[in-house]
């Protein structure tokens, strides 16, 4: 599956100041890693966000967010945000920063 290149560029810009940023193709899309830990990714035109288990329920309560169940089972600590939920830059930045915050809390790989 292809991914939204415009969304990819917006994420690159949101994370541009982080020296530990790398990109990796996965899930048929692209993932953004901070010091080796995935923070966010894109599949199609949707954003995958790694929020961590403790923030999972709060993240799901946000508009346009749903469970991440790519394998048929819920992956606690991850959410998918529909395209409408990241249409404006402020909303996208808020989600990207949630993912980045969690990724930065993990030991570098």
PDB file of N, CA and C in Angstrom:
ATOM      1  N   UNK A   1       0.843  -1.183   0.000  1.00  0.00           N
ATOM      2  CA  UNK A   1       0.000   0.000   0.000  1.00  0.00           C
ATOM      3  C   UNK A   1       0.882   1.237   0.000  1.00  0.00           C
ATOM      4  N   UNK A   2       0.535   2.170  -0.798  1.00  0.00           N
ATOM      5  CA  UNK A   2       1.266   3.441  -0.858  1.00  0.00           C
ATOM      6  C   UNK A   2       0.901   4.293   0.359  1.00  0.00           C
ATOM      7  N   UNK A   3       1.708   5.304   0.599  1.00  0.00           N
ATOM      8  CA  UNK A   3       1.408   6.217   1.699  1.00  0.00           C
ATOM      9  C   UNK A   3       1.361   7.637   1.160  1.00  0.00           C
ATOM     10  N   UNK A   4       0.732   8.505   1.915  1.00  0.00           N
ATOM     11  CA  UNK A   4       0.535   9.904   1.539  1.00  0.00           C
ATOM     12  C   UNK A   4       1.859  10.663   1.696  1.00  0.00           C
ATOM     13  N   UNK A   5       2.501  10.995   0.584  1.00  0.00           N
ATOM     14  CA  UNK A   5       3.800  11.671   0.625  1.00  0.00           C
ATOM     15  C   UNK A   5       3.691  13.076   1.217  1.00  0.00           C
ATOM     16  N   UNK A   6       2.572  13.749   1.009  1.00  0.00           N
ATOM     17  CA  UNK A   6       2.379  15.068   1.622  1.00  0.00           C
ATOM     18  C   UNK A   6       2.369  14.977   3.134  1.00  0.00           C
ATOM     19  N   UNK A   7       1.690  13.965   3.663  1.00  0.00           N
ATOM     20  CA  UNK A   7       1.674  13.740   5.110  1.00  0.00           C
ATOM     21  C   UNK A   7       3.073  13.388   5.598  1.00  0.00           C
ATOM     22  N   UNK A   8       3.789  12.589   4.831  1.00  0.00           N
ATOM     23  CA  UNK A   8       5.161  12.225   5.198  1.00  0.00           C
ATOM     24  C   UNK A   8       6.045  13.465   5.328  1.00  0.00           C
ATOM     25  N   UNK A   9       5.915  14.374   4.398  1.00  0.00           N
ATOM     26  CA  UNK A   9       6.724  15.590   4.453  1.00  0.00           C
ATOM     27  C   UNK A   9       6.356  16.452   5.656  1.00  0.00           C
ATOM     28  N   UNK A  10       5.088  16.527   5.958  1.00  0.00           N
ATOM     29  CA  UNK A  10       4.652  17.302   7.136  1.00  0.00           C
ATOM     30  C   UNK A  10       5.222  16.709   8.423  1.00  0.00           C
ATOM     31  N   UNK A  11       5.302  15.386   8.505  1.00  0.00           N
ATOM     32  CA  UNK A  11       5.881  14.741   9.685  1.00  0.00           C
ATOM     33  C   UNK A  11       7.374  15.021   9.751  1.00  0.00           C
ATOM     34  N   UNK A  12       8.057  14.930   8.618  1.00  0.00           N
ATOM     35  CA  UNK A  12       9.495  15.254   8.596  1.00  0.00           C
ATOM     36  C   UNK A  12       9.745  16.659   9.140  1.00  0.00           C
ATOM     37  N   UNK A  13       8.916  17.591   8.740  1.00  0.00           N
ATOM     38  CA  UNK A  13       9.059  18.972   9.206  1.00  0.00           C
ATOM     39  C   UNK A  13       8.794  19.073  10.707  1.00  0.00           C
ATOM     40  N   UNK A  14       7.802  18.334  11.200  1.00  0.00           N
ATOM     41  CA  UNK A  14       7.480  18.379  12.631  1.00  0.00           C
ATOM     42  C   UNK A  14       8.603  17.804  13.480  1.00  0.00           C
ATOM     43  N   UNK A  15       9.358  16.851  12.929  1.00  0.00           N
ATOM     44  CA  UNK A  15      10.432  16.196  13.684  1.00  0.00           C
ATOM     45  C   UNK A  15      11.827  16.641  13.260  1.00  0.00           C
ATOM     46  N   UNK A  16      11.908  17.654  12.440  1.00  0.00           N
ATOM     47  CA  UNK A  16      13.185  18.072  11.847  1.00  0.00           C
ATOM     48  C   UNK A  16      14.265  18.424  12.865  1.00  0.00           C
ATOM     49  N   UNK A  17      13.894  18.890  14.032  1.00  0.00           N
ATOM     50  CA  UNK A  17      14.890  19.313  15.016  1.00  0.00           C
ATOM     51  C   UNK A  17      15.467  18.156  15.824  1.00  0.00           C
ATOM     52  N   UNK A  18      14.956  16.942  15.633  1.00  0.00           N
ATOM     53  CA  UNK A  18      15.443  15.797  16.402  1.00  0.00           C
ATOM     54  C   UNK A  18      16.568  15.097  15.643  1.00  0.00           C
ATOM     55  N   UNK A  19      17.768  15.136  16.191  1.00  0.00           N
ATOM     56  CA  UNK A  19      18.935  14.540  15.533  1.00  0.00           C
ATOM     57  C   UNK A  19      18.827  13.025  15.430  1.00  0.00           C
ATOM     58  N   UNK A  20      17.978  12.401  16.223  1.00  0.00           N
ATOM     59  CA  UNK A  20      17.845  10.945  16.215  1.00  0.00           C
ATOM     60  C   UNK A  20      16.810  10.423  15.241  1.00  0.00           C
ATOM     61  N   UNK A  21      16.307  11.258  14.349  1.00  0.00           N
ATOM     62  CA  UNK A  21      15.240  10.867  13.429  1.00  0.00           C
ATOM     63  C   UNK A  21      15.763  10.020  12.268  1.00  0.00           C
ATOM     64  N   UNK A  22      15.118   8.887  12.047  1.00  0.00           N
ATOM     65  CA  UNK A  22      15.354   8.077  10.863  1.00  0.00           C
ATOM     66  C   UNK A  22      13.993   7.622  10.337  1.00  0.00           C
ATOM     67  N   UNK A  23      13.967   7.248   9.069  1.00  0.00           N
ATOM     68  CA  UNK A  23      12.752   6.740   8.438  1.00  0.00           C
ATOM     69  C   UNK A  23      12.989   5.309   8.007  1.00  0.00           C
ATOM     70  N   UNK A  24      11.925   4.516   8.069  1.00  0.00           N
ATOM     71  CA  UNK A  24      12.032   3.120   7.674  1.00  0.00           C
ATOM     72  C   UNK A  24      10.724   2.680   7.043  1.00  0.00           C
ATOM     73  N   UNK A  25      10.811   2.005   5.939  1.00  0.00           N
ATOM     74  CA  UNK A  25       9.605   1.468   5.306  1.00  0.00           C
ATOM     75  C   UNK A  25       9.128   0.254   6.097  1.00  0.00           C
ATOM     76  N   UNK A  26       7.870   0.272   6.480  1.00  0.00           N
ATOM     77  CA  UNK A  26       7.257  -0.867   7.168  1.00  0.00           C
ATOM     78  C   UNK A  26       5.744  -0.734   7.133  1.00  0.00           C
ATOM     79  N   UNK A  27       5.061  -1.812   7.389  1.00  0.00           N
ATOM     80  CA  UNK A  27       3.594  -1.860   7.377  1.00  0.00           C
ATOM     81  C   UNK A  27       3.035  -1.414   6.027  1.00  0.00           C
ATOM     82  N   UNK A  28       3.800  -1.532   4.952  1.00  0.00           N
ATOM     83  CA  UNK A  28       3.345  -1.054   3.663  1.00  0.00           C
ATOM     84  C   UNK A  28       3.337   0.455   3.575  1.00  0.00           C
ATOM     85  N   UNK A  29       3.943   1.104   4.549  1.00  0.00           N
ATOM     86  CA  UNK A  29       4.015   2.561   4.585  1.00  0.00           C
ATOM     87  C   UNK A  29       5.393   2.999   5.011  1.00  0.00           C
ATOM     88  N   UNK A  30       5.426   3.979   5.886  1.00  0.00           N
ATOM     89  CA  UNK A  30       6.704   4.503   6.364  1.00  0.00           C
ATOM     90  C   UNK A  30       6.596   4.780   7.858  1.00  0.00           C
ATOM     91  N   UNK A  31       7.686   4.497   8.573  1.00  0.00           N
ATOM     92  CA  UNK A  31       7.738   4.723  10.021  1.00  0.00           C
ATOM     93  C   UNK A  31       8.823   5.742  10.332  1.00  0.00           C
ATOM     94  N   UNK A  32       8.598   6.513  11.357  1.00  0.00           N
ATOM     95  CA  UNK A  32       9.550   7.518  11.827  1.00  0.00           C
ATOM     96  C   UNK A  32      10.070   7.060  13.181  1.00  0.00           C
ATOM     97  N   UNK A  33      11.370   6.863  13.216  1.00  0.00           N
ATOM     98  CA  UNK A  33      12.030   6.347  14.401  1.00  0.00           C
ATOM     99  C   UNK A  33      12.831   7.467  15.065  1.00  0.00           C
ATOM    100  N   UNK A  34      12.803   7.473  16.376  1.00  0.00           N
ATOM    101  CA  UNK A  34      13.644   8.392  17.145  1.00  0.00           C
ATOM    102  C   UNK A  34      14.590   7.549  17.973  1.00  0.00           C
ATOM    103  N   UNK A  35      15.850   7.641  17.680  1.00  0.00           N
ATOM    104  CA  UNK A  35      16.893   6.867  18.358  1.00  0.00           C
ATOM    105  C   UNK A  35      16.569   5.375  18.320  1.00  0.00           C
ATOM    106  N   UNK A  36      15.998   4.926  17.188  1.00  0.00           N
ATOM    107  CA  UNK A  36      15.710   3.516  16.976  1.00  0.00           C
ATOM    108  C   UNK A  36      14.344   3.046  17.428  1.00  0.00           C
ATOM    109  N   UNK A  37      13.572   3.920  18.063  1.00  0.00           N
ATOM    110  CA  UNK A  37      12.235   3.559  18.545  1.00  0.00           C
ATOM    111  C   UNK A  37      11.173   4.239  17.697  1.00  0.00           C
ATOM    112  N   UNK A  38      10.189   3.451  17.258  1.00  0.00           N
ATOM    113  CA  UNK A  38       9.148   4.028  16.414  1.00  0.00           C
ATOM    114  C   UNK A  38       8.285   4.992  17.209  1.00  0.00           C
ATOM    115  N   UNK A  39       8.052   6.172  16.616  1.00  0.00           N
ATOM    116  CA  UNK A  39       7.193   7.187  17.223  1.00  0.00           C
ATOM    117  C   UNK A  39       5.852   7.250  16.493  1.00  0.00           C
ATOM    118  N   UNK A  40       5.911   7.401  15.179  1.00  0.00           N
ATOM    119  CA  UNK A  40       4.710   7.485  14.348  1.00  0.00           C
ATOM    120  C   UNK A  40       4.992   6.814  13.009  1.00  0.00           C
ATOM    121  N   UNK A  41       3.921   6.562  12.280  1.00  0.00           N
ATOM    122  CA  UNK A  41       4.057   6.000  10.951  1.00  0.00           C
ATOM    123  C   UNK A  41       2.847   6.355  10.116  1.00  0.00           C
ATOM    124  N   UNK A  42       2.950   6.068   8.831  1.00  0.00           N
ATOM    125  CA  UNK A  42       1.847   6.338   7.910  1.00  0.00           C
ATOM    126  C   UNK A  42       1.522   5.054   7.173  1.00  0.00           C
ATOM    127  N   UNK A  43       0.244   4.763   7.082  1.00  0.00           N
ATOM    128  CA  UNK A  43      -0.258   3.687   6.251  1.00  0.00           C
ATOM    129  C   UNK A  43      -1.399   4.289   5.444  1.00  0.00           C
ATOM    130  N   UNK A  44      -1.209   4.372   4.152  1.00  0.00           N
ATOM    131  CA  UNK A  44      -2.197   5.054   3.310  1.00  0.00           C
ATOM    132  C   UNK A  44      -2.193   6.530   3.648  1.00  0.00           C
ATOM    133  N   UNK A  45      -3.350   7.034   4.088  1.00  0.00           N
ATOM    134  CA  UNK A  45      -3.433   8.438   4.507  1.00  0.00           C
ATOM    135  C   UNK A  45      -3.723   8.560   5.996  1.00  0.00           C
ATOM    136  N   UNK A  46      -3.455   7.482   6.730  1.00  0.00           N
ATOM    137  CA  UNK A  46      -3.710   7.485   8.171  1.00  0.00           C
ATOM    138  C   UNK A  46      -2.401   7.474   8.948  1.00  0.00           C
ATOM    139  N   UNK A  47      -2.453   8.066  10.123  1.00  0.00           N
ATOM    140  CA  UNK A  47      -1.287   8.176  10.991  1.00  0.00           C
ATOM    141  C   UNK A  47      -1.363   7.119  12.084  1.00  0.00           C
ATOM    142  N   UNK A  48      -0.290   6.362  12.249  1.00  0.00           N
ATOM    143  CA  UNK A  48      -0.157   5.428  13.361  1.00  0.00           C
ATOM    144  C   UNK A  48       0.686   6.140  14.419  1.00  0.00           C
ATOM    145  N   UNK A  49       0.208   6.119  15.651  1.00  0.00           N
ATOM    146  CA  UNK A  49       0.909   6.836  16.718  1.00  0.00           C
ATOM    147  C   UNK A  49       1.176   5.890  17.884  1.00  0.00           C
ATOM    148  N   UNK A  50       2.417   5.847  18.305  1.00  0.00           N
ATOM    149  CA  UNK A  50       2.793   5.044  19.466  1.00  0.00           C
ATOM    150  C   UNK A  50       2.698   5.941  20.701  1.00  0.00           C
ATOM    151  N   UNK A  51       1.659   5.735  21.487  1.00  0.00           N
ATOM    152  CA  UNK A  51       1.416   6.590  22.647  1.00  0.00           C
ATOM    153  C   UNK A  51       1.805   5.923  23.960  1.00  0.00           C
ATOM    154  N   UNK A  52       2.013   4.620  23.945  1.00  0.00           N
ATOM    155  CA  UNK A  52       2.335   3.878  25.159  1.00  0.00           C
ATOM    156  C   UNK A  52       1.073   3.384  25.845  1.00  0.00           C
ATOM    157  N   UNK A  53       1.190   2.311  26.615  1.00  0.00           N
ATOM    158  CA  UNK A  53       0.021   1.703  27.241  1.00  0.00           C
ATOM    159  C   UNK A  53      -0.745   2.631  28.185  1.00  0.00           C
ATOM    160  N   UNK A  54      -0.032   3.464  28.913  1.00  0.00           N
ATOM    161  CA  UNK A  54      -0.708   4.321  29.895  1.00  0.00           C
ATOM    162  C   UNK A  54      -1.536   5.423  29.244  1.00  0.00           C
ATOM    163  N   UNK A  55      -1.169   5.875  28.064  1.00  0.00           N
ATOM    164  CA  UNK A  55      -1.897   6.949  27.373  1.00  0.00           C
ATOM    165  C   UNK A  55      -2.887   6.413  26.341  1.00  0.00           C
ATOM    166  N   UNK A  56      -2.976   5.101  26.206  1.00  0.00           N
ATOM    167  CA  UNK A  56      -3.795   4.474  25.176  1.00  0.00           C
ATOM    168  C   UNK A  56      -5.261   4.889  25.248  1.00  0.00           C
ATOM    169  N   UNK A  57      -5.887   4.749  26.402  1.00  0.00           N
ATOM    170  CA  UNK A  57      -7.320   5.058  26.520  1.00  0.00           C
ATOM    171  C   UNK A  57      -7.601   6.537  26.268  1.00  0.00           C
ATOM    172  N   UNK A  58      -6.755   7.417  26.775  1.00  0.00           N
ATOM    173  CA  UNK A  58      -6.938   8.850  26.525  1.00  0.00           C
ATOM    174  C   UNK A  58      -6.807   9.172  25.044  1.00  0.00           C
ATOM    175  N   UNK A  59      -5.856   8.536  24.377  1.00  0.00           N
ATOM    176  CA  UNK A  59      -5.669   8.777  22.942  1.00  0.00           C
ATOM    177  C   UNK A  59      -6.885   8.298  22.151  1.00  0.00           C
ATOM    178  N   UNK A  60      -7.436   7.158  22.530  1.00  0.00           N
ATOM    179  CA  UNK A  60      -8.617   6.631  21.832  1.00  0.00           C
ATOM    180  C   UNK A  60      -9.842   7.522  22.002  1.00  0.00           C
ATOM    181  N   UNK A  61      -9.874   8.294  23.069  1.00  0.00           N
ATOM    182  CA  UNK A  61     -11.015   9.178  23.322  1.00  0.00           C
ATOM    183  C   UNK A  61     -10.986  10.424  22.430  1.00  0.00           C
ATOM    184  N   UNK A  62      -9.896  10.641  21.709  1.00  0.00           N
ATOM    185  CA  UNK A  62      -9.768  11.822  20.847  1.00  0.00           C
ATOM    186  C   UNK A  62     -10.518  11.606  19.532  1.00  0.00           C
ATOM    187  N   UNK A  63     -11.014  12.694  18.946  1.00  0.00           N
ATOM    188  CA  UNK A  63     -11.708  12.567  17.661  1.00  0.00           C
ATOM    189  C   UNK A  63     -10.813  11.934  16.591  1.00  0.00           C
ATOM    190  N   UNK A  64     -11.401  11.094  15.776  1.00  0.00           N
ATOM    191  CA  UNK A  64     -10.755  10.460  14.625  1.00  0.00           C
ATOM    192  C   UNK A  64      -9.744   9.378  14.993  1.00  0.00           C
ATOM    193  N   UNK A  65      -9.637   9.023  16.269  1.00  0.00           N
ATOM    194  CA  UNK A  65      -8.686   7.988  16.694  1.00  0.00           C
ATOM    195  C   UNK A  65      -9.427   6.661  16.861  1.00  0.00           C
ATOM    196  N   UNK A  66      -8.722   5.574  16.529  1.00  0.00           N
ATOM    197  CA  UNK A  66      -9.289   4.240  16.724  1.00  0.00           C
ATOM    198  C   UNK A  66      -8.168   3.281  17.104  1.00  0.00           C
ATOM    199  N   UNK A  67      -8.541   2.082  17.495  1.00  0.00           N
ATOM    200  CA  UNK A  67      -7.543   1.095  17.888  1.00  0.00           C
ATOM    201  C   UNK A  67      -6.691   0.696  16.688  1.00  0.00           C
ATOM    202  N   UNK A  68      -5.480   0.338  16.969  1.00  0.00           N
ATOM    203  CA  UNK A  68      -4.553  -0.159  15.960  1.00  0.00           C
ATOM    204  C   UNK A  68      -4.616  -1.676  16.038  1.00  0.00           C
ATOM    205  N   UNK A  69      -5.150  -2.303  14.998  1.00  0.00           N
ATOM    206  CA  UNK A  69      -5.321  -3.755  15.011  1.00  0.00           C
ATOM    207  C   UNK A  69      -4.913  -4.380  13.689  1.00  0.00           C
ATOM    208  N   UNK A  70      -3.764  -4.001  13.209  1.00  0.00           N
ATOM    209  CA  UNK A  70      -3.286  -4.462  11.904  1.00  0.00           C
ATOM    210  C   UNK A  70      -3.236  -5.985  11.805  1.00  0.00           C
ATOM    211  N   UNK A  71      -2.927  -6.662  12.874  1.00  0.00           N
ATOM    212  CA  UNK A  71      -2.805  -8.114  12.868  1.00  0.00           C
ATOM    213  C   UNK A  71      -4.098  -8.815  13.277  1.00  0.00           C
ATOM    214  N   UNK A  72      -5.163  -8.066  13.499  1.00  0.00           N
ATOM    215  CA  UNK A  72      -6.418  -8.664  13.938  1.00  0.00           C
ATOM    216  C   UNK A  72      -6.584  -8.651  15.447  1.00  0.00           C
ATOM    217  N   UNK A  73      -5.574  -8.173  16.165  1.00  0.00           N
ATOM    218  CA  UNK A  73      -5.720  -8.004  17.612  1.00  0.00           C
ATOM    219  C   UNK A  73      -5.249  -6.600  17.980  1.00  0.00           C
ATOM    220  N   UNK A  74      -5.872  -6.047  18.984  1.00  0.00           N
ATOM    221  CA  UNK A  74      -5.571  -4.678  19.395  1.00  0.00           C
ATOM    222  C   UNK A  74      -4.145  -4.600  19.918  1.00  0.00           C
ATOM    223  N   UNK A  75      -3.417  -3.597  19.420  1.00  0.00           N
ATOM    224  CA  UNK A  75      -2.071  -3.334  19.909  1.00  0.00           C
ATOM    225  C   UNK A  75      -2.156  -2.171  20.906  1.00  0.00           C
ATOM    226  N   UNK A  76      -2.230  -2.530  22.176  1.00  0.00           N
ATOM    227  CA  UNK A  76      -2.351  -1.517  23.225  1.00  0.00           C
ATOM    228  C   UNK A  76      -1.105  -0.635  23.210  1.00  0.00           C
ATOM    229  N   UNK A  77      -1.321   0.663  23.311  1.00  0.00           N
ATOM    230  CA  UNK A  77      -0.213   1.609  23.264  1.00  0.00           C
ATOM    231  C   UNK A  77      -0.048   2.257  21.905  1.00  0.00           C
ATOM    232  N   UNK A  78      -0.862   1.830  20.950  1.00  0.00           N
ATOM    233  CA  UNK A  78      -0.836   2.372  19.591  1.00  0.00           C
ATOM    234  C   UNK A  78      -2.245   2.784  19.209  1.00  0.00           C
ATOM    235  N   UNK A  79      -2.380   3.854  18.447  1.00  0.00           N
ATOM    236  CA  UNK A  79      -3.665   4.249  17.868  1.00  0.00           C
ATOM    237  C   UNK A  79      -3.458   4.627  16.410  1.00  0.00           C
ATOM    238  N   UNK A  80      -4.551   4.584  15.665  1.00  0.00           N
ATOM    239  CA  UNK A  80      -4.565   5.060  14.289  1.00  0.00           C
ATOM    240  C   UNK A  80      -5.427   6.309  14.261  1.00  0.00           C
ATOM    241  N   UNK A  81      -4.940   7.341  13.612  1.00  0.00           N
ATOM    242  CA  UNK A  81      -5.690   8.589  13.477  1.00  0.00           C
ATOM    243  C   UNK A  81      -6.061   8.735  12.004  1.00  0.00           C
ATOM    244  N   UNK A  82      -7.352   8.838  11.754  1.00  0.00           N
ATOM    245  CA  UNK A  82      -7.845   8.988  10.384  1.00  0.00           C
ATOM    246  C   UNK A  82      -7.353  10.299   9.778  1.00  0.00           C
ATOM    247  N   UNK A  83      -7.364  10.369   8.462  1.00  0.00           N
ATOM    248  CA  UNK A  83      -6.860  11.541   7.738  1.00  0.00           C
ATOM    249  C   UNK A  83      -7.495  12.845   8.224  1.00  0.00           C
ATOM    250  N   UNK A  84      -8.791  12.844   8.512  1.00  0.00           N
ATOM    251  CA  UNK A  84      -9.455  14.065   8.988  1.00  0.00           C
ATOM    252  C   UNK A  84      -8.880  14.550  10.318  1.00  0.00           C
ATOM    253  N   UNK A  85      -8.328  13.638  11.105  1.00  0.00           N
ATOM    254  CA  UNK A  85      -7.769  13.994  12.407  1.00  0.00           C
ATOM    255  C   UNK A  85      -6.401  14.645  12.341  1.00  0.00           C
ATOM    256  N   UNK A  86      -5.777  14.630  11.166  1.00  0.00           N
ATOM    257  CA  UNK A  86      -4.457  15.262  11.002  1.00  0.00           C
ATOM    258  C   UNK A  86      -4.456  16.212   9.813  1.00  0.00           C
ATOM    259  N   UNK A  87      -5.643  16.672   9.435  1.00  0.00           N
ATOM    260  CA  UNK A  87      -5.769  17.544   8.263  1.00  0.00           C
ATOM    261  C   UNK A  87      -5.097  18.893   8.473  1.00  0.00           C
ATOM    262  N   UNK A  88      -5.149  19.425   9.697  1.00  0.00           N
ATOM    263  CA  UNK A  88      -4.468  20.712   9.908  1.00  0.00           C
ATOM    264  C   UNK A  88      -3.159  20.482  10.657  1.00  0.00           C
ATOM    265  N   UNK A  89      -2.234  21.401  10.472  1.00  0.00           N
ATOM    266  CA  UNK A  89      -0.887  21.234  11.008  1.00  0.00           C
ATOM    267  C   UNK A  89      -0.845  21.149  12.531  1.00  0.00           C
ATOM    268  N   UNK A  90      -1.704  21.902  13.211  1.00  0.00           N
ATOM    269  CA  UNK A  90      -1.699  21.869  14.675  1.00  0.00           C
ATOM    270  C   UNK A  90      -2.111  20.491  15.191  1.00  0.00           C
ATOM    271  N   UNK A  91      -3.125  19.896  14.570  1.00  0.00           N
ATOM    272  CA  UNK A  91      -3.576  18.572  14.988  1.00  0.00           C
ATOM    273  C   UNK A  91      -2.498  17.527  14.703  1.00  0.00           C
ATOM    274  N   UNK A  92      -1.901  17.597  13.522  1.00  0.00           N
ATOM    275  CA  UNK A  92      -0.837  16.658  13.192  1.00  0.00           C
ATOM    276  C   UNK A  92       0.317  16.798  14.171  1.00  0.00           C
ATOM    277  N   UNK A  93       0.736  18.024  14.437  1.00  0.00           N
ATOM    278  CA  UNK A  93       1.860  18.243  15.339  1.00  0.00           C
ATOM    279  C   UNK A  93       1.574  17.690  16.731  1.00  0.00           C
ATOM    280  N   UNK A  94       0.349  17.849  17.212  1.00  0.00           N
ATOM    281  CA  UNK A  94      -0.001  17.330  18.537  1.00  0.00           C
ATOM    282  C   UNK A  94       0.154  15.812  18.581  1.00  0.00           C
ATOM    283  N   UNK A  95      -0.320  15.124  17.544  1.00  0.00           N
ATOM    284  CA  UNK A  95      -0.185  13.665  17.499  1.00  0.00           C
ATOM    285  C   UNK A  95       1.268  13.252  17.347  1.00  0.00           C
ATOM    286  N   UNK A  96       1.998  13.905  16.478  1.00  0.00           N
ATOM    287  CA  UNK A  96       3.404  13.560  16.262  1.00  0.00           C
ATOM    288  C   UNK A  96       4.187  13.749  17.557  1.00  0.00           C
ATOM    289  N   UNK A  97       3.905  14.815  18.272  1.00  0.00           N
ATOM    290  CA  UNK A  97       4.623  15.058  19.526  1.00  0.00           C
ATOM    291  C   UNK A  97       4.276  14.017  20.587  1.00  0.00           C
ATOM    292  N   UNK A  98       3.036  13.517  20.597  1.00  0.00           N
ATOM    293  CA  UNK A  98       2.683  12.430  21.532  1.00  0.00           C
ATOM    294  C   UNK A  98       3.521  11.193  21.233  1.00  0.00           C
ATOM    295  N   UNK A  99       3.619  10.854  19.953  1.00  0.00           N
ATOM    296  CA  UNK A  99       4.427   9.700  19.573  1.00  0.00           C
ATOM    297  C   UNK A  99       5.897   9.913  19.873  1.00  0.00           C
ATOM    298  N   UNK A 100       6.390  11.095  19.589  1.00  0.00           N
ATOM    299  CA  UNK A 100       7.795  11.413  19.827  1.00  0.00           C
ATOM    300  C   UNK A 100       8.115  11.387  21.319  1.00  0.00           C
ATOM    301  N   UNK A 101       7.216  11.906  22.115  1.00  0.00           N
ATOM    302  CA  UNK A 101       7.431  11.914  23.569  1.00  0.00           C
ATOM    303  C   UNK A 101       7.580  10.491  24.091  1.00  0.00           C
ATOM    304  N   UNK A 102       6.705   9.589  23.636  1.00  0.00           N
ATOM    305  CA  UNK A 102       6.816   8.212  24.100  1.00  0.00           C
ATOM    306  C   UNK A 102       8.105   7.572  23.588  1.00  0.00           C
ATOM    307  N   UNK A 103       8.420   7.750  22.315  1.00  0.00           N
ATOM    308  CA  UNK A 103       9.640   7.152  21.763  1.00  0.00           C
ATOM    309  C   UNK A 103      10.886   7.648  22.488  1.00  0.00           C
ATOM    310  N   UNK A 104      10.912   8.919  22.833  1.00  0.00           N
ATOM    311  CA  UNK A 104      12.069   9.483  23.548  1.00  0.00           C
ATOM    312  C   UNK A 104      12.181   8.935  24.972  1.00  0.00           C
ATOM    313  N   UNK A 105      11.071   8.435  25.522  1.00  0.00           N
ATOM    314  CA  UNK A 105      11.110   7.898  26.891  1.00  0.00           C
ATOM    315  C   UNK A 105      11.733   6.519  26.955  1.00  0.00           C
ATOM    316  N   UNK A 106      11.957   5.904  25.798  1.00  0.00           N
ATOM    317  CA  UNK A 106      12.526   4.551  25.738  1.00  0.00           C
ATOM    318  C   UNK A 106      14.032   4.614  25.563  1.00  0.00           C
ATOM    319  N   UNK A 107      14.735   3.583  26.001  1.00  0.00           N
ATOM    320  CA  UNK A 107      16.188   3.573  25.794  1.00  0.00           C
ATOM    321  C   UNK A 107      16.508   3.503  24.302  1.00  0.00           C
ATOM    322  N   UNK A 108      17.547   4.206  23.860  1.00  0.00           N
ATOM    323  CA  UNK A 108      17.938   4.127  22.436  1.00  0.00           C
ATOM    324  C   UNK A 108      18.273   2.698  22.041  1.00  0.00           C
ATOM    325  N   UNK A 109      18.004   2.391  20.783  1.00  0.00           N
ATOM    326  CA  UNK A 109      18.341   1.045  20.264  1.00  0.00           C
ATOM    327  C   UNK A 109      19.590   1.137  19.423  1.00  0.00           C
TER     328      UNK A 109
END
